[in-house]
N, C-alpha and C. Protein backbone atom coordinates (compact mmCIF):
# COMPACT_ATOMS: atom_id res chain seq x y z
N MET A 1 -136.15 4.85 -173.20
CA MET A 1 -136.90 5.21 -172.00
C MET A 1 -135.99 5.30 -170.78
N ARG A 2 -135.13 4.27 -170.59
CA ARG A 2 -134.25 4.25 -169.44
C ARG A 2 -132.87 3.84 -169.89
N ASP A 3 -131.83 4.52 -169.38
CA ASP A 3 -130.48 4.19 -169.81
C ASP A 3 -129.69 3.47 -168.73
N LYS A 4 -130.30 3.18 -167.60
CA LYS A 4 -129.59 2.52 -166.51
C LYS A 4 -129.37 1.04 -166.80
N PHE A 5 -130.36 0.40 -167.36
CA PHE A 5 -130.27 -1.02 -167.62
C PHE A 5 -131.32 -1.39 -168.67
N LYS A 6 -131.20 -2.57 -169.21
CA LYS A 6 -132.16 -3.06 -170.19
C LYS A 6 -133.13 -3.98 -169.48
N PRO A 7 -134.35 -3.53 -169.21
CA PRO A 7 -135.29 -4.33 -168.42
C PRO A 7 -135.64 -5.66 -169.09
N HIS A 8 -135.76 -6.68 -168.28
CA HIS A 8 -136.22 -7.99 -168.74
C HIS A 8 -137.62 -8.19 -168.19
N ILE A 9 -138.59 -8.29 -169.08
CA ILE A 9 -139.99 -8.34 -168.70
C ILE A 9 -140.59 -9.71 -169.03
N PHE A 10 -141.28 -10.29 -168.05
CA PHE A 10 -142.01 -11.54 -168.27
C PHE A 10 -143.46 -11.18 -168.59
N VAL A 11 -144.03 -11.81 -169.60
CA VAL A 11 -145.42 -11.58 -169.98
C VAL A 11 -146.16 -12.92 -169.98
N VAL A 12 -147.31 -12.95 -169.31
CA VAL A 12 -148.08 -14.19 -169.20
C VAL A 12 -149.51 -13.97 -169.69
N ASP A 13 -149.91 -14.75 -170.68
CA ASP A 13 -151.28 -14.68 -171.21
C ASP A 13 -151.55 -15.99 -171.94
N ASP A 14 -152.73 -16.55 -171.76
CA ASP A 14 -153.04 -17.81 -172.43
C ASP A 14 -153.38 -17.61 -173.90
N GLU A 15 -153.51 -16.35 -174.34
CA GLU A 15 -153.77 -16.05 -175.75
C GLU A 15 -152.46 -15.72 -176.45
N GLN A 16 -152.04 -16.56 -177.39
CA GLN A 16 -150.78 -16.36 -178.09
C GLN A 16 -150.75 -15.03 -178.84
N GLY A 17 -151.90 -14.64 -179.39
CA GLY A 17 -151.97 -13.38 -180.12
C GLY A 17 -151.64 -12.18 -179.25
N MET A 18 -152.12 -12.19 -178.01
CA MET A 18 -151.83 -11.09 -177.09
C MET A 18 -150.35 -11.06 -176.73
N LEU A 19 -149.75 -12.22 -176.55
CA LEU A 19 -148.31 -12.28 -176.27
C LEU A 19 -147.51 -11.68 -177.41
N GLU A 20 -147.94 -11.95 -178.63
CA GLU A 20 -147.23 -11.41 -179.80
C GLU A 20 -147.35 -9.90 -179.86
N VAL A 21 -148.52 -9.37 -179.51
CA VAL A 21 -148.73 -7.92 -179.51
C VAL A 21 -147.83 -7.24 -178.49
N VAL A 22 -147.85 -7.75 -177.26
CA VAL A 22 -147.04 -7.16 -176.19
C VAL A 22 -145.56 -7.29 -176.51
N SER A 23 -145.16 -8.44 -177.00
CA SER A 23 -143.76 -8.67 -177.35
C SER A 23 -143.29 -7.69 -178.41
N LEU A 24 -144.13 -7.45 -179.41
CA LEU A 24 -143.78 -6.51 -180.48
C LEU A 24 -143.59 -5.10 -179.93
N ILE A 25 -144.48 -4.69 -179.03
CA ILE A 25 -144.38 -3.35 -178.43
C ILE A 25 -143.09 -3.22 -177.63
N LEU A 26 -142.77 -4.23 -176.84
CA LEU A 26 -141.58 -4.18 -176.00
C LEU A 26 -140.30 -4.21 -176.83
N GLU A 27 -140.32 -4.96 -177.91
CA GLU A 27 -139.13 -5.03 -178.77
C GLU A 27 -138.86 -3.70 -179.45
N GLN A 28 -139.90 -2.92 -179.69
CA GLN A 28 -139.73 -1.61 -180.34
C GLN A 28 -138.95 -0.64 -179.45
N VAL A 29 -139.01 -0.84 -178.14
CA VAL A 29 -138.26 0.03 -177.23
C VAL A 29 -137.06 -0.73 -176.65
N GLU A 30 -136.72 -1.84 -177.29
CA GLU A 30 -135.53 -2.62 -176.97
C GLU A 30 -135.54 -3.19 -175.55
N PHE A 31 -136.71 -3.59 -175.07
CA PHE A 31 -136.82 -4.30 -173.81
C PHE A 31 -136.71 -5.80 -174.09
N GLU A 32 -136.05 -6.52 -173.20
CA GLU A 32 -136.03 -7.98 -173.32
C GLU A 32 -137.37 -8.52 -172.84
N CYS A 33 -137.87 -9.51 -173.54
CA CYS A 33 -139.20 -10.03 -173.22
C CYS A 33 -139.21 -11.55 -173.29
N THR A 34 -139.74 -12.18 -172.25
CA THR A 34 -139.95 -13.63 -172.25
C THR A 34 -141.43 -13.88 -172.04
N CYS A 35 -142.04 -14.64 -172.95
CA CYS A 35 -143.49 -14.85 -172.91
C CYS A 35 -143.85 -16.26 -172.45
N PHE A 36 -144.96 -16.35 -171.74
CA PHE A 36 -145.45 -17.64 -171.24
C PHE A 36 -146.96 -17.73 -171.47
N THR A 37 -147.44 -18.91 -171.82
CA THR A 37 -148.88 -19.13 -171.92
C THR A 37 -149.43 -19.76 -170.64
N LYS A 38 -148.53 -20.19 -169.75
CA LYS A 38 -148.95 -20.80 -168.49
C LYS A 38 -148.24 -20.14 -167.31
N ALA A 39 -149.00 -19.86 -166.27
CA ALA A 39 -148.44 -19.22 -165.07
C ALA A 39 -147.37 -20.08 -164.41
N ASP A 40 -147.57 -21.39 -164.41
CA ASP A 40 -146.60 -22.30 -163.79
C ASP A 40 -145.22 -22.17 -164.43
N ASP A 41 -145.19 -22.05 -165.74
CA ASP A 41 -143.92 -21.91 -166.45
C ASP A 41 -143.22 -20.61 -166.04
N CYS A 42 -144.00 -19.55 -165.89
CA CYS A 42 -143.45 -18.27 -165.47
C CYS A 42 -142.83 -18.39 -164.08
N LEU A 43 -143.51 -19.04 -163.16
CA LEU A 43 -143.01 -19.19 -161.79
C LEU A 43 -141.70 -19.97 -161.76
N ARG A 44 -141.61 -21.00 -162.59
CA ARG A 44 -140.36 -21.77 -162.64
C ARG A 44 -139.20 -20.91 -163.11
N HIS A 45 -139.44 -20.08 -164.11
CA HIS A 45 -138.37 -19.21 -164.63
C HIS A 45 -138.01 -18.11 -163.64
N LEU A 46 -138.98 -17.66 -162.85
CA LEU A 46 -138.70 -16.62 -161.85
C LEU A 46 -137.68 -17.08 -160.83
N ARG A 47 -137.61 -18.36 -160.59
CA ARG A 47 -136.68 -18.89 -159.59
C ARG A 47 -135.24 -18.91 -160.09
N THR A 48 -135.05 -18.82 -161.40
CA THR A 48 -133.70 -18.97 -161.94
C THR A 48 -133.26 -17.82 -162.84
N GLN A 49 -134.19 -17.00 -163.31
CA GLN A 49 -133.85 -15.94 -164.25
C GLN A 49 -134.18 -14.57 -163.67
N ILE A 50 -133.47 -13.57 -164.15
CA ILE A 50 -133.73 -12.20 -163.74
C ILE A 50 -134.99 -11.68 -164.41
N CYS A 51 -135.86 -11.09 -163.64
CA CYS A 51 -137.09 -10.48 -164.16
C CYS A 51 -137.28 -9.14 -163.46
N ASP A 52 -137.41 -8.07 -164.24
CA ASP A 52 -137.58 -6.73 -163.67
C ASP A 52 -139.04 -6.31 -163.58
N LEU A 53 -139.90 -6.99 -164.34
CA LEU A 53 -141.32 -6.63 -164.35
C LEU A 53 -142.13 -7.81 -164.88
N LEU A 54 -143.27 -8.05 -164.26
CA LEU A 54 -144.17 -9.11 -164.71
C LEU A 54 -145.48 -8.49 -165.18
N ILE A 55 -145.89 -8.86 -166.39
CA ILE A 55 -147.18 -8.43 -166.93
C ILE A 55 -148.02 -9.68 -167.12
N THR A 56 -149.20 -9.73 -166.52
CA THR A 56 -150.01 -10.94 -166.62
C THR A 56 -151.48 -10.65 -166.84
N ASP A 57 -152.11 -11.53 -167.59
CA ASP A 57 -153.56 -11.48 -167.75
C ASP A 57 -154.20 -11.92 -166.44
N VAL A 58 -155.41 -11.46 -166.19
CA VAL A 58 -156.10 -11.82 -164.95
C VAL A 58 -156.75 -13.20 -165.06
N LYS A 59 -157.50 -13.40 -166.15
CA LYS A 59 -158.25 -14.65 -166.30
C LYS A 59 -157.51 -15.62 -167.22
N MET A 60 -157.02 -16.71 -166.63
CA MET A 60 -156.33 -17.75 -167.38
C MET A 60 -156.71 -19.10 -166.79
N PRO A 61 -156.68 -20.17 -167.59
CA PRO A 61 -156.99 -21.50 -167.05
C PRO A 61 -155.91 -21.98 -166.10
N HIS A 62 -156.28 -22.88 -165.21
CA HIS A 62 -155.36 -23.51 -164.26
C HIS A 62 -154.93 -22.55 -163.14
N MET A 63 -154.25 -21.45 -163.50
CA MET A 63 -153.86 -20.45 -162.50
C MET A 63 -154.08 -19.06 -163.07
N GLY A 64 -154.91 -18.27 -162.39
CA GLY A 64 -155.20 -16.93 -162.84
C GLY A 64 -154.14 -15.93 -162.42
N GLY A 65 -154.30 -14.70 -162.88
CA GLY A 65 -153.33 -13.65 -162.61
C GLY A 65 -153.18 -13.30 -161.15
N MET A 66 -154.28 -13.33 -160.39
CA MET A 66 -154.22 -12.99 -158.97
C MET A 66 -153.35 -13.98 -158.20
N GLU A 67 -153.53 -15.26 -158.48
CA GLU A 67 -152.73 -16.28 -157.80
C GLU A 67 -151.28 -16.21 -158.27
N LEU A 68 -151.08 -15.92 -159.54
CA LEU A 68 -149.72 -15.76 -160.05
C LEU A 68 -149.04 -14.59 -159.36
N LEU A 69 -149.76 -13.50 -159.18
CA LEU A 69 -149.23 -12.33 -158.47
C LEU A 69 -148.78 -12.72 -157.07
N ARG A 70 -149.63 -13.45 -156.37
CA ARG A 70 -149.32 -13.85 -154.99
C ARG A 70 -148.07 -14.73 -154.94
N GLN A 71 -148.00 -15.72 -155.81
CA GLN A 71 -146.86 -16.64 -155.78
C GLN A 71 -145.58 -15.98 -156.30
N ALA A 72 -145.72 -15.12 -157.28
CA ALA A 72 -144.54 -14.43 -157.83
C ALA A 72 -143.91 -13.53 -156.78
N ARG A 73 -144.74 -12.85 -155.98
CA ARG A 73 -144.22 -11.95 -154.96
C ARG A 73 -143.58 -12.73 -153.80
N GLN A 74 -143.93 -13.99 -153.65
CA GLN A 74 -143.26 -14.83 -152.65
C GLN A 74 -141.84 -15.16 -153.11
N ILE A 75 -141.66 -15.31 -154.41
CA ILE A 75 -140.34 -15.62 -154.96
C ILE A 75 -139.48 -14.36 -155.04
N VAL A 76 -140.06 -13.28 -155.55
CA VAL A 76 -139.34 -12.00 -155.68
C VAL A 76 -140.24 -10.93 -155.06
N PRO A 77 -140.09 -10.65 -153.76
CA PRO A 77 -141.02 -9.79 -153.02
C PRO A 77 -141.23 -8.39 -153.61
N TRP A 78 -140.22 -7.82 -154.23
CA TRP A 78 -140.34 -6.45 -154.74
C TRP A 78 -140.71 -6.40 -156.22
N LEU A 79 -140.98 -7.55 -156.83
CA LEU A 79 -141.25 -7.59 -158.27
C LEU A 79 -142.51 -6.80 -158.61
N PRO A 80 -142.41 -5.75 -159.45
CA PRO A 80 -143.61 -5.03 -159.86
C PRO A 80 -144.43 -5.89 -160.83
N VAL A 81 -145.74 -5.90 -160.64
CA VAL A 81 -146.63 -6.71 -161.47
C VAL A 81 -147.73 -5.83 -162.05
N ILE A 82 -147.91 -5.92 -163.35
CA ILE A 82 -148.99 -5.20 -164.03
C ILE A 82 -150.03 -6.22 -164.46
N MET A 83 -151.29 -5.98 -164.09
CA MET A 83 -152.38 -6.88 -164.45
C MET A 83 -153.12 -6.31 -165.66
N MET A 84 -153.52 -7.20 -166.58
CA MET A 84 -154.30 -6.75 -167.73
C MET A 84 -155.50 -7.68 -167.93
N THR A 85 -156.60 -7.10 -168.42
CA THR A 85 -157.82 -7.89 -168.59
C THR A 85 -158.74 -7.24 -169.61
N SER A 86 -159.59 -8.06 -170.20
CA SER A 86 -160.62 -7.55 -171.12
C SER A 86 -161.91 -7.25 -170.37
N TYR A 87 -161.97 -7.66 -169.10
CA TYR A 87 -163.22 -7.55 -168.34
C TYR A 87 -162.98 -6.79 -167.04
N ALA A 88 -162.54 -5.56 -167.16
CA ALA A 88 -162.19 -4.77 -165.97
C ALA A 88 -163.43 -4.33 -165.21
N SER A 89 -163.29 -4.27 -163.90
CA SER A 89 -164.33 -3.72 -163.03
C SER A 89 -163.63 -3.00 -161.90
N VAL A 90 -164.35 -2.12 -161.23
CA VAL A 90 -163.77 -1.38 -160.12
C VAL A 90 -163.31 -2.33 -159.02
N SER A 91 -164.16 -3.31 -158.69
CA SER A 91 -163.82 -4.24 -157.62
C SER A 91 -162.59 -5.07 -157.98
N MET A 92 -162.48 -5.47 -159.25
CA MET A 92 -161.33 -6.26 -159.68
C MET A 92 -160.06 -5.42 -159.61
N SER A 93 -160.15 -4.16 -160.02
CA SER A 93 -158.99 -3.27 -159.96
C SER A 93 -158.53 -3.07 -158.53
N VAL A 94 -159.48 -2.84 -157.64
CA VAL A 94 -159.16 -2.64 -156.23
C VAL A 94 -158.51 -3.89 -155.65
N GLN A 95 -159.06 -5.05 -155.99
CA GLN A 95 -158.52 -6.32 -155.50
C GLN A 95 -157.08 -6.51 -155.97
N ALA A 96 -156.81 -6.19 -157.23
CA ALA A 96 -155.46 -6.35 -157.78
C ALA A 96 -154.47 -5.42 -157.09
N LEU A 97 -154.87 -4.17 -156.90
CA LEU A 97 -153.98 -3.20 -156.27
C LEU A 97 -153.73 -3.55 -154.80
N LYS A 98 -154.76 -4.03 -154.12
CA LYS A 98 -154.58 -4.45 -152.73
C LYS A 98 -153.65 -5.65 -152.62
N ALA A 99 -153.66 -6.49 -153.65
CA ALA A 99 -152.79 -7.68 -153.66
C ALA A 99 -151.35 -7.33 -153.97
N GLY A 100 -151.11 -6.06 -154.35
CA GLY A 100 -149.75 -5.62 -154.60
C GLY A 100 -149.41 -5.32 -156.03
N ALA A 101 -150.41 -5.33 -156.92
CA ALA A 101 -150.15 -5.01 -158.32
C ALA A 101 -149.71 -3.56 -158.45
N ALA A 102 -148.76 -3.31 -159.35
CA ALA A 102 -148.30 -1.94 -159.58
C ALA A 102 -149.32 -1.14 -160.37
N ASN A 103 -150.06 -1.83 -161.24
CA ASN A 103 -151.07 -1.15 -162.04
C ASN A 103 -152.02 -2.17 -162.65
N PHE A 104 -153.10 -1.67 -163.23
CA PHE A 104 -154.14 -2.51 -163.79
C PHE A 104 -154.60 -1.86 -165.08
N ILE A 105 -154.46 -2.56 -166.22
CA ILE A 105 -154.81 -1.96 -167.50
C ILE A 105 -155.78 -2.86 -168.26
N GLU A 106 -156.57 -2.21 -169.13
CA GLU A 106 -157.58 -2.92 -169.89
C GLU A 106 -157.10 -3.24 -171.30
N LYS A 107 -157.57 -4.38 -171.81
CA LYS A 107 -157.38 -4.72 -173.21
C LYS A 107 -158.54 -4.12 -174.01
N PRO A 108 -158.37 -3.82 -175.28
CA PRO A 108 -157.12 -3.94 -176.06
C PRO A 108 -156.09 -2.91 -175.61
N LEU A 109 -154.84 -3.28 -175.65
CA LEU A 109 -153.77 -2.43 -175.16
C LEU A 109 -153.40 -1.35 -176.17
N GLU A 110 -153.16 -0.16 -175.65
CA GLU A 110 -152.64 0.92 -176.48
C GLU A 110 -151.16 1.07 -176.16
N MET A 111 -150.33 1.22 -177.18
CA MET A 111 -148.88 1.24 -177.00
C MET A 111 -148.45 2.32 -176.01
N LYS A 112 -148.95 3.55 -176.17
CA LYS A 112 -148.55 4.65 -175.29
C LYS A 112 -148.93 4.36 -173.84
N THR A 113 -150.13 3.85 -173.65
CA THR A 113 -150.59 3.56 -172.29
C THR A 113 -149.75 2.46 -171.65
N LEU A 114 -149.51 1.40 -172.41
CA LEU A 114 -148.73 0.28 -171.88
C LEU A 114 -147.33 0.72 -171.51
N LEU A 115 -146.67 1.47 -172.39
CA LEU A 115 -145.30 1.91 -172.12
C LEU A 115 -145.24 2.87 -170.93
N ALA A 116 -146.26 3.72 -170.79
CA ALA A 116 -146.29 4.65 -169.66
C ALA A 116 -146.44 3.89 -168.34
N VAL A 117 -147.29 2.87 -168.34
CA VAL A 117 -147.50 2.05 -167.14
C VAL A 117 -146.24 1.27 -166.80
N ILE A 118 -145.57 0.75 -167.82
CA ILE A 118 -144.32 0.02 -167.61
C ILE A 118 -143.25 0.93 -167.02
N GLU A 119 -143.10 2.12 -167.60
CA GLU A 119 -142.10 3.07 -167.11
C GLU A 119 -142.36 3.44 -165.66
N SER A 120 -143.63 3.65 -165.32
CA SER A 120 -143.99 4.00 -163.95
C SER A 120 -143.64 2.86 -162.99
N ALA A 121 -143.95 1.64 -163.38
CA ALA A 121 -143.66 0.48 -162.52
C ALA A 121 -142.17 0.29 -162.32
N LEU A 122 -141.39 0.47 -163.38
CA LEU A 122 -139.94 0.30 -163.28
C LEU A 122 -139.31 1.41 -162.44
N THR A 123 -139.83 2.62 -162.58
CA THR A 123 -139.31 3.76 -161.81
C THR A 123 -139.56 3.56 -160.32
N GLN A 124 -140.76 3.08 -159.98
CA GLN A 124 -141.10 2.82 -158.58
C GLN A 124 -140.22 1.73 -158.00
N ASN A 125 -139.64 0.91 -158.85
CA ASN A 125 -138.83 -0.23 -158.40
C ASN A 125 -137.34 0.06 -158.44
N ASP A 126 -136.95 1.35 -158.45
CA ASP A 126 -135.54 1.72 -158.58
C ASP A 126 -134.61 1.06 -157.56
N PRO A 127 -134.97 0.94 -156.26
CA PRO A 127 -134.04 0.28 -155.33
C PRO A 127 -133.63 -1.11 -155.78
N ALA A 128 -134.57 -1.87 -156.33
CA ALA A 128 -134.22 -3.20 -156.82
C ALA A 128 -133.30 -3.12 -158.02
N ASN A 129 -133.43 -2.04 -158.80
CA ASN A 129 -132.55 -1.90 -159.96
C ASN A 129 -131.11 -1.65 -159.53
N VAL A 130 -130.92 -1.04 -158.37
CA VAL A 130 -129.57 -0.88 -157.82
C VAL A 130 -128.95 -2.25 -157.60
N LEU A 131 -129.76 -3.18 -157.11
CA LEU A 131 -129.28 -4.54 -156.90
C LEU A 131 -128.92 -5.20 -158.21
N ARG A 132 -129.68 -4.91 -159.26
CA ARG A 132 -129.35 -5.46 -160.56
C ARG A 132 -127.95 -5.02 -160.97
N GLY A 133 -127.63 -3.74 -160.68
CA GLY A 133 -126.31 -3.23 -161.02
C GLY A 133 -125.21 -3.95 -160.27
N LYS A 134 -125.54 -4.50 -159.10
CA LYS A 134 -124.58 -5.27 -158.32
C LYS A 134 -124.60 -6.75 -158.73
N GLN A 135 -125.44 -7.06 -159.72
CA GLN A 135 -125.52 -8.42 -160.27
C GLN A 135 -125.97 -9.46 -159.25
N LEU A 136 -126.89 -9.06 -158.39
CA LEU A 136 -127.49 -10.02 -157.47
C LEU A 136 -128.57 -10.81 -158.20
N THR A 137 -128.62 -12.11 -157.96
CA THR A 137 -129.65 -12.95 -158.56
C THR A 137 -130.97 -12.76 -157.83
N ASN A 138 -132.06 -13.29 -158.41
CA ASN A 138 -133.36 -13.22 -157.76
C ASN A 138 -133.31 -13.82 -156.36
N VAL A 139 -132.68 -14.98 -156.23
CA VAL A 139 -132.61 -15.64 -154.92
C VAL A 139 -131.80 -14.80 -153.94
N GLU A 140 -130.68 -14.24 -154.39
CA GLU A 140 -129.85 -13.40 -153.51
C GLU A 140 -130.61 -12.16 -153.07
N MET A 141 -131.41 -11.59 -153.96
CA MET A 141 -132.20 -10.41 -153.59
C MET A 141 -133.28 -10.79 -152.57
N THR A 142 -133.86 -11.96 -152.73
CA THR A 142 -134.85 -12.42 -151.75
C THR A 142 -134.20 -12.65 -150.39
N VAL A 143 -133.02 -13.27 -150.40
CA VAL A 143 -132.28 -13.49 -149.15
C VAL A 143 -131.94 -12.15 -148.50
N LEU A 144 -131.49 -11.18 -149.29
CA LEU A 144 -131.16 -9.86 -148.75
C LEU A 144 -132.39 -9.22 -148.12
N CYS A 145 -133.52 -9.32 -148.80
CA CYS A 145 -134.77 -8.77 -148.26
C CYS A 145 -135.08 -9.37 -146.89
N LEU A 146 -134.90 -10.67 -146.76
CA LEU A 146 -135.18 -11.35 -145.48
C LEU A 146 -134.15 -10.98 -144.42
N ILE A 147 -132.89 -10.80 -144.82
CA ILE A 147 -131.85 -10.36 -143.88
C ILE A 147 -132.21 -8.99 -143.32
N LEU A 148 -132.67 -8.10 -144.20
CA LEU A 148 -133.03 -6.74 -143.78
C LEU A 148 -134.26 -6.74 -142.88
N GLN A 149 -135.02 -7.83 -142.90
CA GLN A 149 -136.16 -7.98 -142.00
C GLN A 149 -135.73 -8.55 -140.65
N GLY A 150 -134.42 -8.85 -140.52
CA GLY A 150 -133.90 -9.37 -139.26
C GLY A 150 -133.93 -10.88 -139.14
N ARG A 151 -134.15 -11.57 -140.25
CA ARG A 151 -134.20 -13.04 -140.21
C ARG A 151 -132.79 -13.63 -140.17
N ASP A 152 -132.63 -14.73 -139.42
CA ASP A 152 -131.33 -15.42 -139.42
C ASP A 152 -131.34 -16.51 -140.50
N ASN A 153 -130.20 -17.19 -140.66
CA ASN A 153 -130.08 -18.18 -141.74
C ASN A 153 -131.10 -19.30 -141.64
N ASP A 154 -131.34 -19.79 -140.42
CA ASP A 154 -132.29 -20.89 -140.24
C ASP A 154 -133.71 -20.46 -140.62
N GLU A 155 -134.08 -19.24 -140.23
CA GLU A 155 -135.42 -18.74 -140.58
C GLU A 155 -135.56 -18.58 -142.08
N ILE A 156 -134.51 -18.03 -142.71
CA ILE A 156 -134.54 -17.83 -144.16
C ILE A 156 -134.62 -19.17 -144.88
N ALA A 157 -133.86 -20.15 -144.39
CA ALA A 157 -133.88 -21.49 -144.99
C ALA A 157 -135.27 -22.10 -144.90
N ASP A 158 -135.94 -21.87 -143.77
CA ASP A 158 -137.28 -22.41 -143.57
C ASP A 158 -138.28 -21.73 -144.52
N ILE A 159 -138.16 -20.42 -144.65
CA ILE A 159 -139.07 -19.66 -145.52
C ILE A 159 -138.89 -20.06 -146.98
N LEU A 160 -137.64 -20.17 -147.41
CA LEU A 160 -137.34 -20.48 -148.81
C LEU A 160 -137.32 -21.98 -149.10
N GLN A 161 -137.41 -22.77 -148.03
CA GLN A 161 -137.36 -24.23 -148.16
C GLN A 161 -136.08 -24.67 -148.88
N ARG A 162 -134.98 -24.13 -148.41
CA ARG A 162 -133.66 -24.46 -148.93
C ARG A 162 -132.73 -24.78 -147.77
N PRO A 163 -131.65 -25.54 -147.99
CA PRO A 163 -130.72 -25.86 -146.91
C PRO A 163 -130.08 -24.59 -146.32
N ALA A 164 -129.82 -24.60 -145.02
CA ALA A 164 -129.18 -23.46 -144.36
C ALA A 164 -127.81 -23.18 -144.97
N SER A 165 -127.13 -24.23 -145.39
CA SER A 165 -125.80 -24.05 -146.00
C SER A 165 -125.90 -23.26 -147.30
N GLU A 166 -126.98 -23.47 -148.04
CA GLU A 166 -127.18 -22.72 -149.28
C GLU A 166 -127.47 -21.26 -148.98
N VAL A 167 -128.26 -21.02 -147.93
CA VAL A 167 -128.56 -19.64 -147.53
C VAL A 167 -127.28 -18.93 -147.11
N GLU A 168 -126.42 -19.62 -146.37
CA GLU A 168 -125.15 -19.04 -145.95
C GLU A 168 -124.30 -18.69 -147.16
N SER A 169 -124.32 -19.53 -148.17
CA SER A 169 -123.58 -19.25 -149.40
C SER A 169 -124.12 -18.01 -150.10
N HIS A 170 -125.45 -17.88 -150.14
CA HIS A 170 -126.06 -16.69 -150.74
C HIS A 170 -125.69 -15.44 -149.94
N ARG A 171 -125.72 -15.55 -148.61
CA ARG A 171 -125.36 -14.41 -147.75
C ARG A 171 -123.92 -13.97 -148.03
N SER A 172 -123.02 -14.93 -148.17
CA SER A 172 -121.62 -14.61 -148.45
C SER A 172 -121.47 -13.91 -149.80
N ASN A 173 -122.21 -14.40 -150.79
CA ASN A 173 -122.17 -13.78 -152.12
C ASN A 173 -122.69 -12.35 -152.08
N ILE A 174 -123.77 -12.14 -151.33
CA ILE A 174 -124.35 -10.80 -151.20
C ILE A 174 -123.34 -9.84 -150.58
N MET A 175 -122.71 -10.27 -149.49
CA MET A 175 -121.75 -9.41 -148.79
C MET A 175 -120.54 -9.11 -149.67
N ARG A 176 -120.13 -10.10 -150.45
CA ARG A 176 -119.00 -9.88 -151.36
C ARG A 176 -119.37 -8.88 -152.45
N LYS A 177 -120.55 -9.04 -153.03
CA LYS A 177 -120.98 -8.16 -154.12
C LYS A 177 -121.24 -6.73 -153.65
N LEU A 178 -121.70 -6.60 -152.40
CA LEU A 178 -121.96 -5.26 -151.85
C LEU A 178 -120.76 -4.73 -151.07
N ASP A 179 -119.68 -5.52 -151.04
CA ASP A 179 -118.40 -5.10 -150.45
C ASP A 179 -118.54 -4.74 -148.97
N VAL A 180 -119.12 -5.66 -148.19
CA VAL A 180 -119.24 -5.47 -146.75
C VAL A 180 -118.74 -6.73 -146.05
N ASN A 181 -118.41 -6.59 -144.74
CA ASN A 181 -117.82 -7.70 -143.99
C ASN A 181 -118.68 -8.21 -142.84
N SER A 182 -119.78 -7.51 -142.55
CA SER A 182 -120.64 -7.93 -141.44
C SER A 182 -122.09 -7.59 -141.75
N THR A 183 -122.99 -8.19 -140.98
CA THR A 183 -124.42 -7.91 -141.17
C THR A 183 -124.74 -6.46 -140.87
N VAL A 184 -124.08 -5.89 -139.85
CA VAL A 184 -124.29 -4.48 -139.51
C VAL A 184 -123.89 -3.59 -140.68
N ASP A 185 -122.71 -3.87 -141.27
CA ASP A 185 -122.27 -3.10 -142.43
C ASP A 185 -123.21 -3.30 -143.61
N LEU A 186 -123.73 -4.51 -143.74
CA LEU A 186 -124.67 -4.80 -144.83
C LEU A 186 -125.93 -3.95 -144.68
N GLU A 187 -126.45 -3.87 -143.47
CA GLU A 187 -127.65 -3.07 -143.21
C GLU A 187 -127.39 -1.59 -143.48
N ARG A 188 -126.21 -1.11 -143.07
CA ARG A 188 -125.86 0.30 -143.31
C ARG A 188 -125.74 0.58 -144.80
N ARG A 189 -125.06 -0.34 -145.51
CA ARG A 189 -124.90 -0.16 -146.95
C ARG A 189 -126.25 -0.19 -147.66
N ALA A 190 -127.11 -1.11 -147.24
CA ALA A 190 -128.44 -1.21 -147.84
C ALA A 190 -129.24 0.07 -147.63
N SER A 191 -129.15 0.62 -146.41
CA SER A 191 -129.87 1.86 -146.10
C SER A 191 -129.33 3.02 -146.93
N ALA A 192 -128.01 3.10 -147.05
CA ALA A 192 -127.38 4.19 -147.81
C ALA A 192 -127.76 4.12 -149.29
N MET A 193 -127.96 2.91 -149.79
CA MET A 193 -128.30 2.72 -151.20
C MET A 193 -129.81 2.78 -151.43
N GLY A 194 -130.57 2.95 -150.35
CA GLY A 194 -132.03 2.99 -150.48
C GLY A 194 -132.66 1.63 -150.63
N LEU A 195 -131.88 0.58 -150.34
CA LEU A 195 -132.38 -0.78 -150.53
C LEU A 195 -133.29 -1.22 -149.41
N ASP A 196 -133.24 -0.53 -148.27
CA ASP A 196 -134.12 -0.89 -147.17
C ASP A 196 -135.59 -0.67 -147.53
N LYS A 197 -135.84 0.09 -148.60
CA LYS A 197 -137.21 0.36 -149.03
C LYS A 197 -137.89 -0.89 -149.58
N ILE A 198 -137.09 -1.87 -150.00
CA ILE A 198 -137.69 -3.06 -150.62
C ILE A 198 -137.94 -4.16 -149.60
N SER A 199 -137.51 -3.96 -148.36
CA SER A 199 -137.68 -5.02 -147.37
C SER A 199 -139.04 -4.95 -146.72
């Protein structure tokens, strides 16, 4: 489907059988897949692992798909999220899309439909894929997004609830990986690469 990179997709569903179905489909097109039965586990992994796309069920115990979508986008603001459910309604679809979901699909899943929706979501997220090519981590991409919004280190530290010294370290890593020496150059490079679209 895509030759730029091998997407890593997180899938969340409290039904093990559904996870196995989605995993099998993704493996057939050689996508990396990590499955979770609990939203909390997915959120923990989002903080430390690369994820190019999140697919989640809407109705799950403890934390549903809508809340997972909200919290996941706080960790990785540009992360495309696909919602799936057995009980679709127009109002639910509208609510998911307004919350930032890339798409909304009904179960039972059809392979062609699922792959088409995945391809569309990944294509729309191309600016973030440029960052993947620069080997920026999820945290570094979040810091970059906040820098492009005009936030300083203290503001970013407050938002991410991390020490300012850690934010400064991430900023230095970002500038090194993007080969720039100042914030002005960073903003210019980001704009030239189309990365300002994700801020």
